[in-house]
Amino acid sequence: MAEKLPEEMAQFIAENQYMKSAAEMAELFNEHFGADYMTAAKIKTFRHNHHLNSGRTGRFEKGHIPVNRGTKGLKYPGSEKGWFKKGNVPVNHRPVGSERISVDGYIEIKVAEPNKWRLKQRVVYEEKHGMIPKGHVLIFLDRNPLNCSLDNLMLIPRSVLSRVNLSGILTEHQVINKSLLLVETLKDTARKRKNNDRTD
C-alpha cells in the first residue's frame, strides 16, 4: 500500500477483517467509506504489513464431516410437502425497486431478480449521467449516506478522495464541501498535468 491510511481507516480494517477474504474486506471497506479504491491486493498488503491474521485457512479442518454426506438422491417420505412449487413466491420476496439499509448504513435498491441489489447513490447518479468512470467515486456532500438526492452527490477522482480523507477538511455543510472538493479537484488536475509535462 503506497500511502499510509488514516487511523480511522486502518482501525476499521483491523477491527473487521477477521474471517473475511481480502476481496470481502475490500468491498466492505469501500461501502463503508463511500470509496472504490481499496482492492483485495491492498488488503493483503495491509494485513502483511500490520501482521494481521484473517483466521481463514482455506480448507476444512481434519476430521470435518460434511453435513450432507451420504444424502445425495435421498427423498424422505412426506418431504415433498416442503418443496417449492413451480411459480411459488417466498413470503419474504422483495420486488425490483425495493430498498433496504445495509449493515454499513447505505441504502441499497433491488435492480433485478432474483436477488440483485446495488447502492442507491450509484443507481441515482448513473440514471442521470451514465456509468461512473473508472477511478472515480461518489461523495455525499452533506456526509449523510441516506441522502441520495442527485444534488447531494458529487463525482470526484479517487485520488482526490484519498487526499481529502487524509486532510480531514470536509464539514457537515453541503455547499462548503462542494467548494472544497472543486478546489481539491482543480489542484489534482494541475498536479497531474505538471507530472505529465515532466515526463514528456
N, C-alpha and C. Protein backbone atom coordinates (compact mmCIF):
# COMPACT_ATOMS: atom_id res chain seq x y z
N MET A 1 0.86 -1.18 0.00
CA MET A 1 0.00 0.00 0.00
C MET A 1 0.89 1.22 0.00
N ALA A 2 0.89 1.99 -1.06
CA ALA A 2 1.84 3.07 -1.23
C ALA A 2 1.66 4.18 -0.20
N GLU A 3 0.44 4.52 0.14
CA GLU A 3 0.20 5.62 1.08
C GLU A 3 -0.35 5.10 2.39
N LYS A 4 0.02 5.82 3.44
CA LYS A 4 -0.42 5.42 4.77
C LYS A 4 -1.89 5.78 4.94
N LEU A 5 -2.68 4.83 5.41
CA LEU A 5 -4.10 5.08 5.61
C LEU A 5 -4.31 5.91 6.86
N PRO A 6 -5.35 6.77 6.86
CA PRO A 6 -5.71 7.47 8.09
C PRO A 6 -6.03 6.46 9.19
N GLU A 7 -5.85 6.88 10.43
CA GLU A 7 -6.03 5.97 11.56
C GLU A 7 -7.42 5.34 11.57
N GLU A 8 -8.45 6.15 11.22
CA GLU A 8 -9.83 5.63 11.22
C GLU A 8 -9.98 4.47 10.25
N MET A 9 -9.37 4.60 9.06
CA MET A 9 -9.48 3.54 8.05
C MET A 9 -8.69 2.31 8.45
N ALA A 10 -7.48 2.53 8.97
CA ALA A 10 -6.65 1.40 9.41
C ALA A 10 -7.34 0.63 10.53
N GLN A 11 -7.96 1.37 11.45
CA GLN A 11 -8.64 0.73 12.57
C GLN A 11 -9.85 -0.06 12.09
N PHE A 12 -10.56 0.48 11.09
CA PHE A 12 -11.73 -0.21 10.54
C PHE A 12 -11.33 -1.56 9.96
N ILE A 13 -10.21 -1.59 9.22
CA ILE A 13 -9.75 -2.85 8.64
C ILE A 13 -9.37 -3.83 9.74
N ALA A 14 -8.61 -3.34 10.73
CA ALA A 14 -8.15 -4.21 11.81
C ALA A 14 -9.30 -4.82 12.59
N GLU A 15 -10.38 -4.04 12.79
CA GLU A 15 -11.49 -4.50 13.61
C GLU A 15 -12.47 -5.38 12.84
N ASN A 16 -12.46 -5.31 11.51
CA ASN A 16 -13.49 -6.01 10.73
C ASN A 16 -12.95 -7.11 9.82
N GLN A 17 -11.62 -7.28 9.75
CA GLN A 17 -11.06 -8.18 8.75
C GLN A 17 -11.08 -9.64 9.13
N TYR A 18 -11.30 -9.95 10.41
CA TYR A 18 -11.20 -11.35 10.84
C TYR A 18 -12.25 -12.22 10.15
N MET A 19 -11.81 -13.36 9.65
CA MET A 19 -12.64 -14.36 8.96
C MET A 19 -13.27 -13.83 7.67
N LYS A 20 -12.67 -12.80 7.09
CA LYS A 20 -13.13 -12.30 5.79
C LYS A 20 -12.00 -12.46 4.78
N SER A 21 -12.37 -12.78 3.55
CA SER A 21 -11.37 -12.83 2.49
C SER A 21 -10.94 -11.40 2.17
N ALA A 22 -9.81 -11.28 1.48
CA ALA A 22 -9.34 -9.94 1.12
C ALA A 22 -10.36 -9.22 0.24
N ALA A 23 -10.99 -9.95 -0.67
CA ALA A 23 -11.99 -9.34 -1.55
C ALA A 23 -13.21 -8.88 -0.76
N GLU A 24 -13.67 -9.69 0.20
CA GLU A 24 -14.81 -9.31 1.04
C GLU A 24 -14.49 -8.08 1.86
N MET A 25 -13.27 -8.01 2.40
CA MET A 25 -12.87 -6.88 3.22
C MET A 25 -12.75 -5.61 2.39
N ALA A 26 -12.24 -5.75 1.17
CA ALA A 26 -12.12 -4.58 0.29
C ALA A 26 -13.50 -4.02 -0.05
N GLU A 27 -14.45 -4.91 -0.32
CA GLU A 27 -15.81 -4.46 -0.64
C GLU A 27 -16.46 -3.78 0.56
N LEU A 28 -16.27 -4.37 1.76
CA LEU A 28 -16.83 -3.78 2.98
C LEU A 28 -16.22 -2.41 3.24
N PHE A 29 -14.91 -2.28 3.04
CA PHE A 29 -14.21 -1.01 3.25
C PHE A 29 -14.76 0.06 2.31
N ASN A 30 -14.87 -0.28 1.01
CA ASN A 30 -15.33 0.70 0.02
C ASN A 30 -16.76 1.14 0.28
N GLU A 31 -17.63 0.22 0.71
CA GLU A 31 -19.01 0.60 1.02
C GLU A 31 -19.06 1.49 2.24
N HIS A 32 -18.25 1.17 3.25
CA HIS A 32 -18.27 1.93 4.50
C HIS A 32 -17.79 3.36 4.30
N PHE A 33 -16.73 3.54 3.49
CA PHE A 33 -16.15 4.87 3.32
C PHE A 33 -16.59 5.55 2.02
N GLY A 34 -17.55 4.94 1.31
CA GLY A 34 -18.04 5.56 0.08
C GLY A 34 -16.95 5.70 -0.97
N ALA A 35 -16.08 4.69 -1.05
CA ALA A 35 -14.95 4.76 -1.96
C ALA A 35 -14.95 3.55 -2.89
N ASP A 36 -13.99 3.52 -3.83
CA ASP A 36 -13.85 2.31 -4.64
C ASP A 36 -12.37 2.03 -4.95
N TYR A 37 -11.46 2.62 -4.15
CA TYR A 37 -10.05 2.44 -4.43
C TYR A 37 -9.40 1.29 -3.67
N MET A 38 -10.09 0.74 -2.66
CA MET A 38 -9.49 -0.38 -1.93
C MET A 38 -9.68 -1.67 -2.72
N THR A 39 -8.63 -2.44 -2.83
CA THR A 39 -8.68 -3.70 -3.58
C THR A 39 -8.24 -4.85 -2.68
N ALA A 40 -8.50 -6.07 -3.15
CA ALA A 40 -8.09 -7.25 -2.40
C ALA A 40 -6.57 -7.27 -2.21
N ALA A 41 -5.85 -6.85 -3.25
CA ALA A 41 -4.38 -6.84 -3.17
C ALA A 41 -3.90 -5.88 -2.09
N LYS A 42 -4.56 -4.71 -1.99
CA LYS A 42 -4.17 -3.74 -0.96
C LYS A 42 -4.48 -4.25 0.44
N ILE A 43 -5.61 -4.96 0.56
CA ILE A 43 -5.96 -5.54 1.87
C ILE A 43 -4.90 -6.57 2.27
N LYS A 44 -4.47 -7.42 1.32
CA LYS A 44 -3.44 -8.42 1.61
C LYS A 44 -2.15 -7.75 2.06
N THR A 45 -1.79 -6.67 1.37
CA THR A 45 -0.57 -5.94 1.73
C THR A 45 -0.70 -5.34 3.12
N PHE A 46 -1.88 -4.74 3.41
CA PHE A 46 -2.11 -4.15 4.73
C PHE A 46 -2.00 -5.21 5.82
N ARG A 47 -2.61 -6.37 5.59
CA ARG A 47 -2.53 -7.45 6.58
C ARG A 47 -1.08 -7.88 6.81
N HIS A 48 -0.34 -8.01 5.73
CA HIS A 48 1.06 -8.42 5.84
C HIS A 48 1.87 -7.38 6.63
N ASN A 49 1.72 -6.11 6.27
CA ASN A 49 2.49 -5.05 6.91
C ASN A 49 2.14 -4.86 8.38
N HIS A 50 0.89 -5.20 8.75
CA HIS A 50 0.44 -5.00 10.13
C HIS A 50 0.31 -6.31 10.90
N HIS A 51 0.81 -7.40 10.29
CA HIS A 51 0.83 -8.71 10.95
C HIS A 51 -0.56 -9.14 11.42
N LEU A 52 -1.55 -8.95 10.53
CA LEU A 52 -2.92 -9.33 10.85
C LEU A 52 -3.22 -10.72 10.29
N ASN A 53 -3.88 -11.54 11.09
CA ASN A 53 -4.26 -12.88 10.66
C ASN A 53 -5.77 -12.91 10.46
N SER A 54 -6.20 -13.27 9.25
CA SER A 54 -7.64 -13.29 8.97
C SER A 54 -8.34 -14.44 9.65
N GLY A 55 -7.58 -15.46 10.08
CA GLY A 55 -8.19 -16.62 10.72
C GLY A 55 -8.71 -17.64 9.72
N ARG A 56 -8.59 -17.35 8.43
CA ARG A 56 -9.08 -18.26 7.38
C ARG A 56 -7.94 -19.17 6.94
N THR A 57 -8.22 -20.48 6.88
CA THR A 57 -7.22 -21.44 6.43
C THR A 57 -7.45 -21.87 4.99
N GLY A 58 -8.68 -21.68 4.50
CA GLY A 58 -9.00 -22.08 3.14
C GLY A 58 -9.26 -23.57 2.98
N ARG A 59 -9.36 -24.28 4.09
CA ARG A 59 -9.61 -25.73 3.99
C ARG A 59 -10.41 -26.19 5.20
N PHE A 60 -11.05 -27.34 5.08
CA PHE A 60 -11.75 -27.94 6.20
C PHE A 60 -10.73 -28.49 7.19
N GLU A 61 -11.06 -28.40 8.47
CA GLU A 61 -10.17 -28.95 9.48
C GLU A 61 -10.21 -30.47 9.44
N LYS A 62 -9.14 -31.12 9.92
CA LYS A 62 -9.04 -32.57 9.92
C LYS A 62 -10.19 -33.18 10.73
N GLY A 63 -10.84 -34.20 10.13
CA GLY A 63 -11.96 -34.85 10.81
C GLY A 63 -13.31 -34.25 10.49
N HIS A 64 -13.33 -33.14 9.72
CA HIS A 64 -14.60 -32.50 9.37
C HIS A 64 -15.45 -33.42 8.49
N ILE A 65 -16.73 -33.56 8.84
CA ILE A 65 -17.65 -34.39 8.07
C ILE A 65 -18.73 -33.48 7.48
N PRO A 66 -18.85 -33.42 6.15
CA PRO A 66 -19.88 -32.58 5.54
C PRO A 66 -21.27 -32.97 6.04
N VAL A 67 -22.11 -31.96 6.26
CA VAL A 67 -23.45 -32.22 6.80
C VAL A 67 -24.32 -33.01 5.83
N ASN A 68 -24.01 -32.95 4.54
CA ASN A 68 -24.84 -33.67 3.55
C ASN A 68 -24.20 -34.98 3.10
N ARG A 69 -23.22 -35.45 3.84
CA ARG A 69 -22.54 -36.69 3.45
C ARG A 69 -23.53 -37.87 3.43
N GLY A 70 -23.56 -38.58 2.29
CA GLY A 70 -24.39 -39.77 2.16
C GLY A 70 -25.86 -39.50 1.89
N THR A 71 -26.23 -38.23 1.65
CA THR A 71 -27.65 -37.93 1.46
C THR A 71 -28.01 -37.67 0.00
N LYS A 72 -27.04 -37.75 -0.90
CA LYS A 72 -27.33 -37.46 -2.31
C LYS A 72 -28.42 -38.38 -2.85
N GLY A 73 -29.46 -37.78 -3.40
CA GLY A 73 -30.53 -38.55 -4.03
C GLY A 73 -31.61 -39.05 -3.08
N LEU A 74 -31.43 -38.84 -1.77
CA LEU A 74 -32.43 -39.34 -0.82
C LEU A 74 -33.65 -38.44 -0.81
N LYS A 75 -34.83 -39.04 -0.78
CA LYS A 75 -36.09 -38.31 -0.65
C LYS A 75 -36.89 -38.98 0.44
N TYR A 76 -37.02 -38.29 1.56
CA TYR A 76 -37.73 -38.88 2.69
C TYR A 76 -39.25 -38.75 2.49
N PRO A 77 -40.01 -39.78 2.88
CA PRO A 77 -41.47 -39.74 2.73
C PRO A 77 -42.06 -38.50 3.41
N GLY A 78 -42.90 -37.79 2.66
CA GLY A 78 -43.54 -36.59 3.21
C GLY A 78 -42.74 -35.31 2.99
N SER A 79 -41.46 -35.44 2.59
CA SER A 79 -40.63 -34.24 2.43
C SER A 79 -41.09 -33.36 1.28
N GLU A 80 -41.82 -33.97 0.34
CA GLU A 80 -42.27 -33.19 -0.82
C GLU A 80 -43.23 -32.06 -0.43
N LYS A 81 -43.81 -32.16 0.79
CA LYS A 81 -44.71 -31.09 1.25
C LYS A 81 -43.96 -29.77 1.40
N GLY A 82 -42.68 -29.86 1.67
CA GLY A 82 -41.89 -28.64 1.88
C GLY A 82 -41.18 -28.15 0.63
N TRP A 83 -41.35 -28.85 -0.48
CA TRP A 83 -40.70 -28.41 -1.70
C TRP A 83 -41.39 -27.18 -2.26
N PHE A 84 -40.58 -26.31 -2.90
CA PHE A 84 -41.18 -25.17 -3.58
C PHE A 84 -41.89 -25.65 -4.83
N LYS A 85 -43.09 -25.15 -5.01
CA LYS A 85 -43.84 -25.47 -6.23
C LYS A 85 -43.45 -24.46 -7.30
N LYS A 86 -43.51 -24.90 -8.56
CA LYS A 86 -43.16 -24.03 -9.66
C LYS A 86 -44.01 -22.76 -9.63
N GLY A 87 -43.33 -21.62 -9.72
CA GLY A 87 -44.04 -20.34 -9.69
C GLY A 87 -44.28 -19.82 -8.28
N ASN A 88 -43.84 -20.55 -7.26
CA ASN A 88 -44.03 -20.13 -5.87
C ASN A 88 -43.20 -18.88 -5.57
N VAL A 89 -43.80 -17.91 -4.87
CA VAL A 89 -43.10 -16.69 -4.48
C VAL A 89 -42.94 -16.70 -2.96
N PRO A 90 -41.71 -16.69 -2.44
CA PRO A 90 -41.49 -16.70 -1.00
C PRO A 90 -42.16 -15.50 -0.32
N VAL A 91 -42.57 -15.67 0.92
CA VAL A 91 -43.27 -14.59 1.64
C VAL A 91 -42.36 -13.39 1.88
N ASN A 92 -41.05 -13.62 1.92
CA ASN A 92 -40.12 -12.51 2.16
C ASN A 92 -39.56 -11.93 0.86
N HIS A 93 -40.18 -12.27 -0.27
CA HIS A 93 -39.72 -11.76 -1.57
C HIS A 93 -39.86 -10.25 -1.63
N ARG A 94 -38.82 -9.57 -2.14
CA ARG A 94 -38.85 -8.12 -2.32
C ARG A 94 -38.83 -7.83 -3.81
N PRO A 95 -39.81 -7.07 -4.33
CA PRO A 95 -39.85 -6.79 -5.77
C PRO A 95 -38.73 -5.83 -6.19
N VAL A 96 -38.45 -5.83 -7.50
CA VAL A 96 -37.48 -4.89 -8.05
C VAL A 96 -37.92 -3.47 -7.73
N GLY A 97 -36.98 -2.65 -7.28
CA GLY A 97 -37.29 -1.27 -6.87
C GLY A 97 -37.37 -1.13 -5.37
N SER A 98 -37.41 -2.26 -4.64
CA SER A 98 -37.44 -2.21 -3.18
C SER A 98 -36.12 -1.67 -2.65
N GLU A 99 -36.18 -1.05 -1.46
CA GLU A 99 -34.98 -0.51 -0.84
C GLU A 99 -34.75 -1.14 0.53
N ARG A 100 -33.49 -1.16 0.93
CA ARG A 100 -33.14 -1.64 2.26
C ARG A 100 -31.89 -0.90 2.73
N ILE A 101 -31.64 -0.93 4.03
CA ILE A 101 -30.45 -0.31 4.59
C ILE A 101 -29.43 -1.42 4.85
N SER A 102 -28.22 -1.26 4.32
CA SER A 102 -27.18 -2.26 4.52
C SER A 102 -26.65 -2.17 5.95
N VAL A 103 -25.89 -3.16 6.35
CA VAL A 103 -25.31 -3.17 7.69
C VAL A 103 -24.35 -2.00 7.88
N ASP A 104 -23.87 -1.42 6.78
CA ASP A 104 -22.95 -0.29 6.86
C ASP A 104 -23.66 1.06 6.77
N GLY A 105 -25.01 1.02 6.72
CA GLY A 105 -25.77 2.27 6.75
C GLY A 105 -26.03 2.91 5.40
N TYR A 106 -25.84 2.16 4.32
CA TYR A 106 -26.12 2.69 2.98
C TYR A 106 -27.44 2.12 2.46
N ILE A 107 -28.13 2.92 1.63
CA ILE A 107 -29.37 2.43 1.02
C ILE A 107 -29.01 1.57 -0.19
N GLU A 108 -29.61 0.39 -0.24
CA GLU A 108 -29.45 -0.49 -1.39
C GLU A 108 -30.81 -0.62 -2.07
N ILE A 109 -30.80 -0.72 -3.38
CA ILE A 109 -32.05 -0.85 -4.14
C ILE A 109 -31.97 -2.11 -5.00
N LYS A 110 -33.08 -2.85 -5.02
CA LYS A 110 -33.11 -4.08 -5.82
C LYS A 110 -33.30 -3.70 -7.28
N VAL A 111 -32.38 -4.16 -8.12
CA VAL A 111 -32.41 -3.78 -9.53
C VAL A 111 -32.77 -4.92 -10.47
N ALA A 112 -32.74 -6.16 -9.96
CA ALA A 112 -33.07 -7.30 -10.83
C ALA A 112 -33.36 -8.52 -9.98
N GLU A 113 -34.10 -9.45 -10.56
CA GLU A 113 -34.36 -10.74 -9.92
C GLU A 113 -33.21 -11.70 -10.23
N PRO A 114 -32.93 -12.68 -9.41
CA PRO A 114 -33.75 -12.98 -8.23
C PRO A 114 -33.37 -12.15 -6.99
N ASN A 115 -32.12 -11.69 -6.92
CA ASN A 115 -31.72 -11.01 -5.69
C ASN A 115 -30.52 -10.10 -5.93
N LYS A 116 -30.62 -9.23 -6.96
CA LYS A 116 -29.51 -8.35 -7.28
C LYS A 116 -29.78 -6.95 -6.72
N TRP A 117 -28.90 -6.50 -5.83
CA TRP A 117 -29.02 -5.19 -5.19
C TRP A 117 -27.82 -4.33 -5.53
N ARG A 118 -28.05 -3.01 -5.62
CA ARG A 118 -26.96 -2.06 -5.86
C ARG A 118 -27.13 -0.87 -4.92
N LEU A 119 -26.02 -0.18 -4.68
CA LEU A 119 -26.08 1.02 -3.85
C LEU A 119 -26.93 2.07 -4.56
N LYS A 120 -27.86 2.65 -3.81
CA LYS A 120 -28.82 3.58 -4.42
C LYS A 120 -28.14 4.80 -5.01
N GLN A 121 -27.09 5.32 -4.34
CA GLN A 121 -26.45 6.53 -4.85
C GLN A 121 -25.87 6.31 -6.24
N ARG A 122 -25.39 5.10 -6.50
CA ARG A 122 -24.85 4.80 -7.83
C ARG A 122 -25.96 4.73 -8.87
N VAL A 123 -27.09 4.10 -8.48
CA VAL A 123 -28.22 3.99 -9.40
C VAL A 123 -28.75 5.38 -9.76
N VAL A 124 -28.92 6.23 -8.75
CA VAL A 124 -29.45 7.58 -8.96
C VAL A 124 -28.52 8.38 -9.88
N TYR A 125 -27.24 8.32 -9.60
CA TYR A 125 -26.27 9.09 -10.40
C TYR A 125 -26.21 8.58 -11.83
N GLU A 126 -26.15 7.27 -12.00
CA GLU A 126 -25.99 6.70 -13.33
C GLU A 126 -27.23 6.87 -14.20
N GLU A 127 -28.41 6.96 -13.60
CA GLU A 127 -29.62 7.21 -14.38
C GLU A 127 -29.55 8.57 -15.07
N LYS A 128 -28.87 9.52 -14.45
CA LYS A 128 -28.77 10.88 -14.99
C LYS A 128 -27.52 11.09 -15.85
N HIS A 129 -26.39 10.54 -15.40
CA HIS A 129 -25.11 10.85 -16.03
C HIS A 129 -24.42 9.67 -16.71
N GLY A 130 -24.99 8.48 -16.62
CA GLY A 130 -24.31 7.32 -17.20
C GLY A 130 -23.37 6.66 -16.21
N MET A 131 -22.67 5.64 -16.68
CA MET A 131 -21.81 4.85 -15.82
C MET A 131 -20.73 5.69 -15.16
N ILE A 132 -20.44 5.36 -13.91
CA ILE A 132 -19.37 6.04 -13.19
C ILE A 132 -18.04 5.60 -13.79
N PRO A 133 -17.23 6.57 -14.23
CA PRO A 133 -15.96 6.18 -14.88
C PRO A 133 -14.99 5.55 -13.89
N LYS A 134 -14.13 4.70 -14.41
CA LYS A 134 -13.13 4.04 -13.59
C LYS A 134 -12.23 5.08 -12.93
N GLY A 135 -11.89 4.85 -11.68
CA GLY A 135 -11.01 5.77 -10.97
C GLY A 135 -11.73 6.93 -10.32
N HIS A 136 -13.07 6.90 -10.32
CA HIS A 136 -13.86 7.96 -9.71
C HIS A 136 -14.80 7.38 -8.65
N VAL A 137 -15.20 8.22 -7.71
CA VAL A 137 -16.10 7.81 -6.64
C VAL A 137 -17.15 8.89 -6.42
N LEU A 138 -18.26 8.47 -5.80
CA LEU A 138 -19.31 9.42 -5.44
C LEU A 138 -19.16 9.84 -3.99
N ILE A 139 -19.37 11.11 -3.75
CA ILE A 139 -19.30 11.67 -2.40
C ILE A 139 -20.68 12.21 -2.01
N PHE A 140 -21.09 11.95 -0.75
CA PHE A 140 -22.30 12.58 -0.21
C PHE A 140 -21.88 13.96 0.31
N LEU A 141 -22.34 15.01 -0.33
CA LEU A 141 -21.87 16.35 0.01
C LEU A 141 -22.20 16.74 1.45
N ASP A 142 -23.34 16.26 1.99
CA ASP A 142 -23.67 16.58 3.38
C ASP A 142 -23.20 15.48 4.33
N ARG A 143 -22.47 14.49 3.78
CA ARG A 143 -21.89 13.37 4.53
C ARG A 143 -22.95 12.45 5.13
N ASN A 144 -24.16 12.54 4.61
CA ASN A 144 -25.25 11.67 5.06
C ASN A 144 -25.50 10.61 4.00
N PRO A 145 -25.13 9.34 4.25
CA PRO A 145 -25.27 8.30 3.24
C PRO A 145 -26.71 7.92 2.92
N LEU A 146 -27.67 8.46 3.69
CA LEU A 146 -29.07 8.17 3.40
C LEU A 146 -29.68 9.23 2.48
N ASN A 147 -28.94 10.30 2.22
CA ASN A 147 -29.42 11.36 1.33
C ASN A 147 -28.85 11.11 -0.07
N CYS A 148 -29.63 10.39 -0.87
CA CYS A 148 -29.17 10.00 -2.21
C CYS A 148 -29.73 10.90 -3.31
N SER A 149 -30.19 12.10 -2.95
CA SER A 149 -30.69 13.01 -3.97
C SER A 149 -29.52 13.43 -4.86
N LEU A 150 -29.83 13.67 -6.12
CA LEU A 150 -28.79 13.95 -7.11
C LEU A 150 -27.95 15.17 -6.73
N ASP A 151 -28.58 16.19 -6.14
CA ASP A 151 -27.83 17.40 -5.79
C ASP A 151 -26.94 17.21 -4.57
N ASN A 152 -27.03 16.04 -3.93
CA ASN A 152 -26.16 15.76 -2.79
C ASN A 152 -25.01 14.83 -3.18
N LEU A 153 -24.95 14.45 -4.46
CA LEU A 153 -23.92 13.54 -4.93
C LEU A 153 -22.93 14.28 -5.82
N MET A 154 -21.66 14.00 -5.60
CA MET A 154 -20.62 14.63 -6.43
C MET A 154 -19.60 13.58 -6.82
N LEU A 155 -19.28 13.55 -8.10
CA LEU A 155 -18.30 12.60 -8.62
C LEU A 155 -16.92 13.24 -8.58
N ILE A 156 -15.97 12.56 -7.96
CA ILE A 156 -14.60 13.08 -7.88
C ILE A 156 -13.60 11.96 -8.17
N PRO A 157 -12.39 12.31 -8.60
CA PRO A 157 -11.36 11.28 -8.77
C PRO A 157 -11.03 10.66 -7.42
N ARG A 158 -10.73 9.38 -7.41
CA ARG A 158 -10.45 8.74 -6.12
C ARG A 158 -9.16 9.26 -5.51
N SER A 159 -8.27 9.82 -6.36
CA SER A 159 -7.05 10.43 -5.82
C SER A 159 -7.39 11.64 -4.97
N VAL A 160 -8.47 12.35 -5.34
CA VAL A 160 -8.92 13.49 -4.55
C VAL A 160 -9.52 13.00 -3.23
N LEU A 161 -10.31 11.93 -3.31
CA LEU A 161 -10.91 11.38 -2.08
C LEU A 161 -9.83 10.98 -1.09
N SER A 162 -8.75 10.38 -1.60
CA SER A 162 -7.66 9.97 -0.72
C SER A 162 -7.06 11.16 0.00
N ARG A 163 -6.83 12.24 -0.72
CA ARG A 163 -6.24 13.44 -0.10
C ARG A 163 -7.21 14.09 0.88
N VAL A 164 -8.49 14.10 0.52
CA VAL A 164 -9.50 14.70 1.39
C VAL A 164 -9.62 13.91 2.69
N ASN A 165 -9.62 12.59 2.59
CA ASN A 165 -9.71 11.76 3.80
C ASN A 165 -8.50 11.96 4.70
N LEU A 166 -7.33 12.09 4.08
CA LEU A 166 -6.11 12.29 4.86
C LEU A 166 -6.09 13.65 5.55
N SER A 167 -6.61 14.66 4.86
CA SER A 167 -6.58 16.02 5.42
C SER A 167 -7.72 16.28 6.41
N GLY A 168 -8.86 15.54 6.25
CA GLY A 168 -9.99 15.74 7.15
C GLY A 168 -10.63 17.11 7.03
N ILE A 169 -10.65 17.68 5.82
CA ILE A 169 -11.14 19.05 5.66
C ILE A 169 -12.66 19.15 5.49
N LEU A 170 -13.34 18.04 5.21
CA LEU A 170 -14.77 18.12 4.94
C LEU A 170 -15.56 18.49 6.20
N THR A 171 -16.66 19.23 5.99
CA THR A 171 -17.52 19.68 7.07
C THR A 171 -18.86 18.95 6.97
N GLU A 172 -19.84 19.41 7.71
CA GLU A 172 -21.20 18.85 7.62
C GLU A 172 -22.07 19.66 6.66
N HIS A 173 -21.48 20.65 5.99
CA HIS A 173 -22.26 21.56 5.15
C HIS A 173 -22.07 21.24 3.67
N GLN A 174 -23.16 21.03 2.99
CA GLN A 174 -23.16 20.60 1.60
C GLN A 174 -22.44 21.59 0.68
N VAL A 175 -22.79 22.87 0.78
CA VAL A 175 -22.24 23.89 -0.12
C VAL A 175 -20.74 24.07 0.10
N ILE A 176 -20.33 24.09 1.37
CA ILE A 176 -18.91 24.25 1.69
C ILE A 176 -18.11 23.06 1.16
N ASN A 177 -18.63 21.87 1.38
CA ASN A 177 -17.93 20.67 0.92
C ASN A 177 -17.79 20.64 -0.60
N LYS A 178 -18.83 21.08 -1.29
CA LYS A 178 -18.76 21.09 -2.76
C LYS A 178 -17.64 22.01 -3.23
N SER A 179 -17.53 23.19 -2.58
CA SER A 179 -16.48 24.14 -2.95
C SER A 179 -15.10 23.56 -2.65
N LEU A 180 -14.96 22.93 -1.47
CA LEU A 180 -13.68 22.33 -1.09
C LEU A 180 -13.27 21.24 -2.07
N LEU A 181 -14.23 20.42 -2.48
CA LEU A 181 -13.93 19.34 -3.41
C LEU A 181 -13.59 19.85 -4.80
N LEU A 182 -14.24 20.92 -5.22
CA LEU A 182 -13.91 21.53 -6.52
C LEU A 182 -12.48 22.05 -6.52
N VAL A 183 -12.09 22.70 -5.43
CA VAL A 183 -10.73 23.22 -5.31
C VAL A 183 -9.72 22.08 -5.33
N GLU A 184 -9.99 21.02 -4.56
CA GLU A 184 -9.08 19.87 -4.49
C GLU A 184 -8.99 19.17 -5.84
N THR A 185 -10.11 19.13 -6.59
CA THR A 185 -10.10 18.50 -7.91
C THR A 185 -9.25 19.31 -8.88
N LEU A 186 -9.35 20.64 -8.80
CA LEU A 186 -8.51 21.51 -9.65
C LEU A 186 -7.03 21.32 -9.32
N LYS A 187 -6.71 21.24 -8.04
CA LYS A 187 -5.32 21.02 -7.63
C LYS A 187 -4.83 19.67 -8.15
N ASP A 188 -5.70 18.66 -8.07
CA ASP A 188 -5.33 17.33 -8.53
C ASP A 188 -5.06 17.33 -10.03
N THR A 189 -5.91 18.03 -10.78
CA THR A 189 -5.72 18.12 -12.23
C THR A 189 -4.41 18.83 -12.55
N ALA A 190 -4.11 19.91 -11.81
CA ALA A 190 -2.87 20.66 -12.03
C ALA A 190 -1.65 19.80 -11.73
N ARG A 191 -1.72 19.00 -10.64
CA ARG A 191 -0.60 18.12 -10.28
C ARG A 191 -0.34 17.09 -11.39
N LYS A 192 -1.44 16.52 -11.91
CA LYS A 192 -1.30 15.50 -12.95
C LYS A 192 -0.71 16.09 -14.23
N ARG A 193 -1.14 17.32 -14.59
CA ARG A 193 -0.61 17.96 -15.79
C ARG A 193 0.87 18.27 -15.63
N LYS A 194 1.24 18.70 -14.41
CA LYS A 194 2.63 19.02 -14.14
C LYS A 194 3.51 17.78 -14.25
N ASN A 195 2.99 16.67 -13.71
CA ASN A 195 3.73 15.41 -13.79
C ASN A 195 3.86 14.92 -15.22
N ASN A 196 2.78 15.12 -16.02
CA ASN A 196 2.82 14.72 -17.42
C ASN A 196 3.84 15.54 -18.21
N ASP A 197 3.91 16.85 -17.89
CA ASP A 197 4.87 17.74 -18.57
C ASP A 197 6.29 17.30 -18.28
N ARG A 198 6.54 16.80 -17.07
CA ARG A 198 7.89 16.37 -16.71
C ARG A 198 8.30 15.11 -17.46
N THR A 199 7.30 14.28 -17.77
CA THR A 199 7.62 13.01 -18.45
C THR A 199 7.68 13.15 -19.97
N ASP A 200 7.16 14.28 -20.50
CA ASP A 200 7.16 14.48 -21.96
C ASP A 200 8.56 14.82 -22.47
